């Protein structure tokens, strides 16, 4: 690979360009040889709200997370902490699109900062919902935003079996 990189204790930082900005791609030390086999330059590309690392391989591109996980199937590689440039194996998992969609950030017009929590003007309270198998489940109305956020977390545990969210909220 043509990128600059730096070794640390158990991981490597690969420096990549994204529209003139230098980005840091993180990989485990034991994946360095696999990533370094390519003669091109790893670059960071923005896809929605997240950056991902890829390299040109002939007429196609290879995403670094798929290379590291050795996966070419129909599922997606989830970056648990939401950072698409953190490609250490402890941060990657193979999941369905359905499971990965739970990681979506709230829309820009969301006033609560949490997906599934919105202000209900008619009741002047915070309303909480969660999607389960494509259907919305109503979790209640709350006077305080913090109470609504807590109920959303409870809903994720009950309906999605998520004991803790790895994304910061």
Protein backbone atom coordinates (compact mmCIF):
# COMPACT_ATOMS: atom_id res chain seq x y z
CA UNK A 1 0.00 0.00 0.00
CA UNK A 2 1.12 3.53 -0.65
CA UNK A 3 -0.39 5.12 2.50
CA UNK A 4 1.65 6.33 5.44
CA UNK A 5 0.96 4.39 8.63
CA UNK A 6 2.06 4.16 12.25
CA UNK A 7 2.22 1.13 14.55
CA UNK A 8 0.98 1.31 18.13
CA UNK A 9 0.80 -1.42 20.80
CA UNK A 10 -1.91 -3.60 19.28
CA UNK A 11 -3.19 -1.59 16.33
CA UNK A 12 -2.07 0.39 13.29
CA UNK A 13 -3.21 3.81 12.08
CA UNK A 14 -3.31 4.18 8.30
CA UNK A 15 -3.48 7.76 7.08
CA UNK A 16 -5.94 8.24 4.21
CA UNK A 17 -7.17 11.18 2.19
CA UNK A 18 -10.79 12.26 1.88
CA UNK A 19 -11.26 15.38 -0.26
CA UNK A 20 -8.07 16.97 1.00
CA UNK A 21 -8.58 16.00 4.65
CA UNK A 22 -6.35 13.40 6.33
CA UNK A 23 -8.38 10.67 8.04
CA UNK A 24 -7.18 7.87 10.34
CA UNK A 25 -8.11 4.27 9.57
CA UNK A 26 -7.64 1.90 12.52
CA UNK A 27 -6.84 -1.79 12.07
CA UNK A 28 -5.46 -4.55 14.30
CA UNK A 29 -1.74 -5.25 13.97
CA UNK A 30 -2.45 -8.80 12.84
CA UNK A 31 -4.43 -7.48 9.84
CA UNK A 32 -1.64 -5.23 8.59
CA UNK A 33 -0.10 -7.77 6.18
CA UNK A 34 -3.50 -8.47 4.60
CA UNK A 35 -4.18 -4.75 4.11
CA UNK A 36 -0.63 -4.02 2.97
CA UNK A 37 -0.82 -6.61 0.14
CA UNK A 38 -2.57 -4.07 -2.09
CA UNK A 39 -0.31 -1.85 -4.17
CA UNK A 40 -2.73 1.08 -4.32
CA UNK A 41 -3.76 3.73 -1.83
CA UNK A 42 -6.47 3.25 0.78
CA UNK A 43 -8.84 6.21 0.80
CA UNK A 44 -11.69 7.34 3.02
CA UNK A 45 -15.05 7.80 1.33
CA UNK A 46 -18.11 9.38 2.88
CA UNK A 47 -21.29 7.31 2.66
CA UNK A 48 -24.17 9.12 4.32
CA UNK A 49 -22.96 10.29 7.72
CA UNK A 50 -20.09 7.82 7.99
CA UNK A 51 -16.66 7.47 6.39
CA UNK A 52 -15.43 4.07 5.18
CA UNK A 53 -12.01 2.95 3.93
CA UNK A 54 -11.67 1.45 0.47
CA UNK A 55 -9.11 0.73 -2.23
CA UNK A 56 -9.48 0.36 -5.99
CA UNK A 57 -8.96 -3.21 -7.20
CA UNK A 58 -9.14 -3.13 -10.98
CA UNK A 59 -12.58 -1.79 -11.89
CA UNK A 60 -14.10 -2.34 -8.46
CA UNK A 61 -13.46 -1.18 -4.91
CA UNK A 62 -12.74 -3.25 -1.82
CA UNK A 63 -13.94 -2.02 1.55
CA UNK A 64 -11.37 -2.59 4.26
CA UNK A 65 -13.94 -3.90 6.78
CA UNK A 66 -15.05 -6.65 4.36
CA UNK A 67 -11.42 -7.58 3.71
CA UNK A 68 -10.63 -7.79 7.43
CA UNK A 69 -13.75 -9.84 8.19
CA UNK A 70 -13.13 -11.97 5.05
CA UNK A 71 -16.79 -11.55 4.12
CA UNK A 72 -18.49 -11.09 0.75
CA UNK A 73 -22.01 -12.18 1.62
CA UNK A 74 -25.33 -10.32 1.60
CA UNK A 75 -25.19 -9.14 5.19
CA UNK A 76 -23.45 -5.96 6.31
CA UNK A 77 -20.45 -5.29 8.51
CA UNK A 78 -21.52 -3.19 11.49
CA UNK A 79 -19.02 -0.85 13.12
CA UNK A 80 -20.21 -1.16 16.72
CA UNK A 81 -19.01 2.27 17.81
CA UNK A 82 -20.38 4.01 14.71
CA UNK A 83 -16.93 4.95 13.38
CA UNK A 84 -16.62 3.46 9.89
CA UNK A 85 -12.86 4.02 9.94
CA UNK A 86 -12.35 1.94 13.12
CA UNK A 87 -11.78 -1.46 11.53
CA UNK A 88 -10.36 -3.34 14.50
CA UNK A 89 -12.03 -6.74 14.72
CA UNK A 90 -13.38 -5.99 18.21
CA UNK A 91 -15.41 -3.18 16.60
CA UNK A 92 -16.79 -5.22 13.69
CA UNK A 93 -19.65 -7.70 13.47
CA UNK A 94 -21.60 -9.27 10.62
CA UNK A 95 -25.31 -8.45 10.90
CA UNK A 96 -28.46 -8.26 8.82
CA UNK A 97 -29.58 -4.96 7.29
CA UNK A 98 -32.44 -4.99 9.79
CA UNK A 99 -30.12 -5.15 12.79
CA UNK A 100 -27.77 -2.56 11.29
CA UNK A 101 -30.65 -0.13 10.69
CA UNK A 102 -31.06 0.14 14.46
CA UNK A 103 -27.83 2.12 14.50
CA UNK A 104 -29.29 4.99 12.52
CA UNK A 105 -28.79 8.39 13.99
CA UNK A 106 -31.85 10.55 14.64
CA UNK A 107 -33.06 12.67 11.74
CA UNK A 108 -31.84 16.26 11.58
CA UNK A 109 -35.23 17.62 12.68
CA UNK A 110 -35.37 15.34 15.77
CA UNK A 111 -35.57 17.58 18.86
CA UNK A 112 -34.73 14.88 21.43
CA UNK A 113 -31.47 13.64 19.95
CA UNK A 114 -32.69 10.03 20.25
CA UNK A 115 -34.35 7.93 17.56
CA UNK A 116 -37.87 6.98 18.60
CA UNK A 117 -38.31 9.90 21.01
CA UNK A 118 -40.27 12.92 19.82
CA UNK A 119 -42.25 15.78 21.27
CA UNK A 120 -46.02 15.35 21.06
CA UNK A 121 -47.49 18.86 20.76
CA UNK A 122 -51.07 17.84 21.49
CA UNK A 123 -50.15 16.35 24.88
CA UNK A 124 -47.11 18.58 25.54
CA UNK A 125 -45.14 15.45 26.44
CA UNK A 126 -42.31 13.36 25.03
CA UNK A 127 -43.59 10.32 23.12
CA UNK A 128 -41.55 7.13 22.85
CA UNK A 129 -41.84 4.48 20.14
CA UNK A 130 -39.71 1.63 18.85
CA UNK A 131 -39.86 -0.34 15.58
CA UNK A 132 -40.26 -4.09 15.94
CA UNK A 133 -40.55 -6.21 12.79
CA UNK A 134 -41.42 -3.10 10.78
CA UNK A 135 -44.22 -1.97 13.11
CA UNK A 136 -44.14 0.87 15.62
CA UNK A 137 -44.68 -0.05 19.27
CA UNK A 138 -45.89 2.74 21.53
CA UNK A 139 -43.91 2.95 24.78
CA UNK A 140 -45.58 5.93 26.43
CA UNK A 141 -45.70 9.67 27.08
CA UNK A 142 -43.34 11.40 29.51
CA UNK A 143 -43.10 14.88 31.01
CA UNK A 144 -39.30 14.84 31.10
CA UNK A 145 -37.01 14.16 28.15
CA UNK A 146 -34.63 12.12 30.32
CA UNK A 147 -37.49 9.80 31.33
CA UNK A 148 -38.39 9.33 27.67
CA UNK A 149 -34.77 8.52 26.77
CA UNK A 150 -34.62 5.95 29.58
CA UNK A 151 -37.82 4.30 28.34
CA UNK A 152 -36.35 4.09 24.85
CA UNK A 153 -33.33 2.25 26.31
CA UNK A 154 -35.68 -0.13 28.14
CA UNK A 155 -37.52 -0.73 24.86
CA UNK A 156 -34.25 -1.60 23.12
CA UNK A 157 -33.45 -4.13 25.83
CA UNK A 158 -36.92 -5.69 25.79
CA UNK A 159 -37.58 -5.72 22.05
CA UNK A 160 -34.11 -5.87 20.52
CA UNK A 161 -32.25 -7.63 23.34
CA UNK A 162 -29.64 -4.88 23.39
CA UNK A 163 -28.15 -4.65 26.85
CA UNK A 164 -26.15 -1.55 26.12
CA UNK A 165 -25.80 0.79 23.21
CA UNK A 166 -22.27 1.26 22.04
CA UNK A 167 -23.01 4.55 20.35
CA UNK A 168 -22.86 7.70 22.40
CA UNK A 169 -26.10 9.57 22.74
